[in-house]
Amino acid sequence: MRDRSGARGAAGFMPCRDSEVLPIRTLLAFEEIGRSDDSVAEQVAEAWRELRLILGHAIRRSDVVREAVVLRGLWVSICDGHTPMDLDEASRMWAEAVASGKQPGRG
């Protein structure tokens, strides 16, 4: 994520091809495991802290809680096993959210 965001800015947080989805699926899977394993939950929390720092640097904001929530929601949507969101659509929504400072679909 650090390399992609360094090269593509905030856009680097959204995968542009299927091969970039695997690390996101892995993080989301570890989140699920962390629901019943405190040591895994601590590692996932640390990963999210680091991601928020990288995100804050990429979008030049210190408070990135809202963007992190939007990002996670889009990640869950593109990783959905039944009806995954199209990567281009997710990227468009992410770009709009970062540019406007508003959640997608909220005016």
Protein backbone atom coordinates (compact mmCIF):
# COMPACT_ATOMS: atom_id res chain seq x y z
CA MET A 1 0.00 0.00 0.00
CA ARG A 2 2.85 2.36 0.85
CA ASP A 3 4.49 1.76 -2.55
CA ARG A 4 1.23 2.10 -4.49
CA SER A 5 0.18 5.28 -2.67
CA GLY A 6 3.69 6.68 -3.11
CA ALA A 7 3.41 6.16 -6.84
CA ARG A 8 -0.30 6.97 -7.32
CA GLY A 9 -1.24 9.08 -4.29
CA ALA A 10 -4.64 8.41 -2.76
CA ALA A 11 -5.60 6.40 -5.86
CA GLY A 12 -3.03 3.79 -4.77
CA PHE A 13 -5.36 2.65 -2.00
CA MET A 14 -7.80 1.26 -4.57
CA PRO A 15 -6.69 -1.82 -6.49
CA CYS A 16 -6.70 -1.41 -10.26
CA ARG A 17 -6.34 -5.07 -11.11
CA ASP A 18 -7.37 -8.36 -9.55
CA SER A 19 -3.83 -9.17 -8.38
CA GLU A 20 -3.95 -6.12 -6.07
CA VAL A 21 -7.07 -7.41 -4.30
CA LEU A 22 -5.34 -10.31 -2.50
CA PRO A 23 -3.62 -8.19 0.21
CA ILE A 24 -6.95 -6.48 0.92
CA ARG A 25 -8.77 -9.81 1.18
CA THR A 26 -6.02 -11.00 3.52
CA LEU A 27 -6.43 -8.00 5.83
CA LEU A 28 -10.20 -8.40 5.87
CA ALA A 29 -9.83 -12.14 6.62
CA PHE A 30 -7.51 -11.39 9.52
CA GLU A 31 -10.08 -8.89 10.82
CA GLU A 32 -12.55 -11.75 11.02
CA ILE A 33 -10.05 -14.01 12.79
CA GLY A 34 -9.32 -11.14 15.18
CA ARG A 35 -12.91 -11.21 16.39
CA SER A 36 -12.05 -14.35 18.35
CA ASP A 37 -8.29 -14.01 18.81
CA ASP A 38 -6.98 -10.99 20.72
CA SER A 39 -3.40 -11.29 19.47
CA VAL A 40 -4.59 -11.24 15.86
CA ALA A 41 -6.91 -8.33 16.67
CA GLU A 42 -3.92 -6.37 18.01
CA GLN A 43 -1.97 -6.99 14.81
CA VAL A 44 -4.94 -5.94 12.65
CA ALA A 45 -5.36 -2.78 14.73
CA GLU A 46 -1.68 -1.98 14.22
CA ALA A 47 -2.04 -2.55 10.46
CA TRP A 48 -4.97 -0.11 10.38
CA ARG A 49 -3.00 2.48 12.39
CA GLU A 50 -0.20 2.26 9.85
CA LEU A 51 -2.65 2.44 6.93
CA ARG A 52 -4.25 5.57 8.42
CA LEU A 53 -0.81 7.20 8.71
CA ILE A 54 -0.02 6.36 5.09
CA LEU A 55 -3.48 7.55 4.04
CA GLY A 56 -3.10 10.82 5.93
CA HIS A 57 0.19 11.46 4.18
CA ALA A 58 -1.26 10.58 0.75
CA ILE A 59 -4.30 12.85 1.05
CA ARG A 60 -2.55 15.50 3.15
CA ARG A 61 -4.99 15.41 6.05
CA SER A 62 -4.29 14.65 9.66
CA ASP A 63 -7.78 13.37 10.50
CA VAL A 64 -8.51 10.47 8.17
CA VAL A 65 -11.01 8.48 10.21
CA ARG A 66 -13.87 9.15 7.75
CA GLU A 67 -11.73 8.32 4.72
CA ALA A 68 -10.53 5.10 6.38
CA VAL A 69 -14.15 4.05 6.96
CA VAL A 70 -15.07 4.83 3.34
CA LEU A 71 -11.97 2.98 2.14
CA ARG A 72 -12.74 -0.11 4.22
CA GLY A 73 -16.34 -0.13 2.97
CA LEU A 74 -15.19 0.01 -0.63
CA TRP A 75 -12.65 -2.74 0.04
CA VAL A 76 -15.38 -4.96 1.51
CA SER A 77 -17.53 -4.24 -1.54
CA ILE A 78 -14.85 -5.19 -4.06
CA CYS A 79 -13.98 -8.35 -2.10
CA ASP A 80 -17.57 -9.54 -1.82
CA GLY A 81 -17.69 -13.18 -2.86
CA HIS A 82 -21.14 -13.00 -4.46
CA THR A 83 -21.47 -9.59 -6.10
CA PRO A 84 -18.12 -7.78 -6.02
CA MET A 85 -18.09 -4.11 -6.91
CA ASP A 86 -16.32 -3.29 -10.16
CA LEU A 87 -12.79 -1.99 -9.53
CA ASP A 88 -13.29 1.02 -11.81
CA GLU A 89 -16.49 1.99 -10.00
CA ALA A 90 -14.81 1.64 -6.61
CA SER A 91 -11.89 3.76 -7.81
CA ARG A 92 -14.25 6.45 -9.09
CA MET A 93 -16.16 6.54 -5.79
CA TRP A 94 -12.90 6.69 -3.80
CA ALA A 95 -11.57 9.57 -5.92
CA GLU A 96 -14.82 11.48 -5.42
CA ALA A 97 -14.78 10.85 -1.67
CA VAL A 98 -11.19 12.04 -1.29
CA ALA A 99 -11.68 15.07 -3.55
CA SER A 100 -14.93 16.25 -2.00
CA GLY A 101 -14.35 15.28 1.61
CA LYS A 102 -17.85 13.76 1.62
CA GLN A 103 -19.01 10.17 1.67
CA PRO A 104 -20.00 8.79 -1.75
CA GLY A 105 -23.71 9.12 -2.40
CA ARG A 106 -24.23 11.70 0.36
CA GLY A 107 -24.79 14.83 -1.68
